Amino acid sequence: MRTFKIGITIEAETPEKVKEVGNLIQNAVNKVEQEDIVKLLTKVVKNPGIVKKALKFI
């Protein structure tokens, strides 16, 4: 599989928080199958409130 590098914009209070979020995103992409990431993020974009509901069960 080919590897691509992309740039994203993250709003945060501190550079440390941006680094944390960026690292977590990269780790998730590396560990979770792409199809599952796409499915999950599609659901989140359509219904952001689902994140808070899911966190109650984690």
Protein backbone atom coordinates (compact mmCIF):
# COMPACT_ATOMS: atom_id res chain seq x y z
CA MET A 1 0.00 0.00 0.00
CA ARG A 2 1.25 3.49 -0.77
CA THR A 3 1.92 6.03 1.96
CA PHE A 4 0.73 9.63 1.75
CA LYS A 5 1.47 12.60 3.95
CA ILE A 6 -1.29 15.16 4.51
CA GLY A 7 -1.64 18.38 6.45
CA ILE A 8 -4.55 19.14 8.75
CA THR A 9 -5.52 22.14 10.84
CA ILE A 10 -6.13 21.59 14.54
CA GLU A 11 -7.41 24.34 16.82
CA ALA A 12 -6.13 24.03 20.37
CA GLU A 13 -5.15 26.12 23.37
CA THR A 14 -1.51 25.01 23.40
CA PRO A 15 1.07 23.49 21.04
CA GLU A 16 1.26 20.50 23.39
CA LYS A 17 -2.44 19.77 22.92
CA VAL A 18 -2.03 19.97 19.12
CA LYS A 19 0.87 17.52 19.31
CA GLU A 20 -1.18 15.17 21.52
CA VAL A 21 -4.17 15.23 19.15
CA GLY A 22 -1.94 14.76 16.10
CA ASN A 23 -0.13 11.82 17.68
CA LEU A 24 -3.40 10.18 18.70
CA ILE A 25 -4.81 10.54 15.19
CA GLN A 26 -1.64 9.06 13.68
CA ASN A 27 -1.64 6.16 16.15
CA ALA A 28 -5.30 5.40 15.44
CA VAL A 29 -4.68 5.42 11.68
CA ASN A 30 -1.74 3.05 12.17
CA LYS A 31 -3.63 0.59 14.39
CA VAL A 32 -7.19 0.55 13.05
CA GLU A 33 -8.23 -0.75 9.64
CA GLN A 34 -8.86 2.04 7.13
CA GLU A 35 -12.40 0.90 6.35
CA ASP A 36 -13.27 1.08 10.05
CA ILE A 37 -11.72 4.55 10.42
CA VAL A 38 -13.69 5.80 7.41
CA LYS A 39 -16.93 4.31 8.73
CA LEU A 40 -16.39 5.74 12.21
CA LEU A 41 -15.43 9.22 11.07
CA THR A 42 -18.31 9.34 8.58
CA LYS A 43 -20.73 8.64 11.45
CA VAL A 44 -19.04 11.28 13.64
CA VAL A 45 -19.25 13.95 10.93
CA LYS A 46 -22.95 13.22 10.40
CA ASN A 47 -23.68 13.13 14.15
CA PRO A 48 -20.94 14.65 16.38
CA GLY A 49 -23.02 13.99 19.50
CA ILE A 50 -22.41 10.28 19.06
CA VAL A 51 -18.89 10.79 20.48
CA LYS A 52 -20.15 11.91 23.90
CA LYS A 53 -22.63 9.03 23.96
CA ALA A 54 -19.93 6.49 23.03
CA LEU A 55 -17.54 7.82 25.68
CA LYS A 56 -20.06 6.92 28.37
CA PHE A 57 -19.50 3.26 27.48
CA ILE A 58 -15.70 3.41 27.40
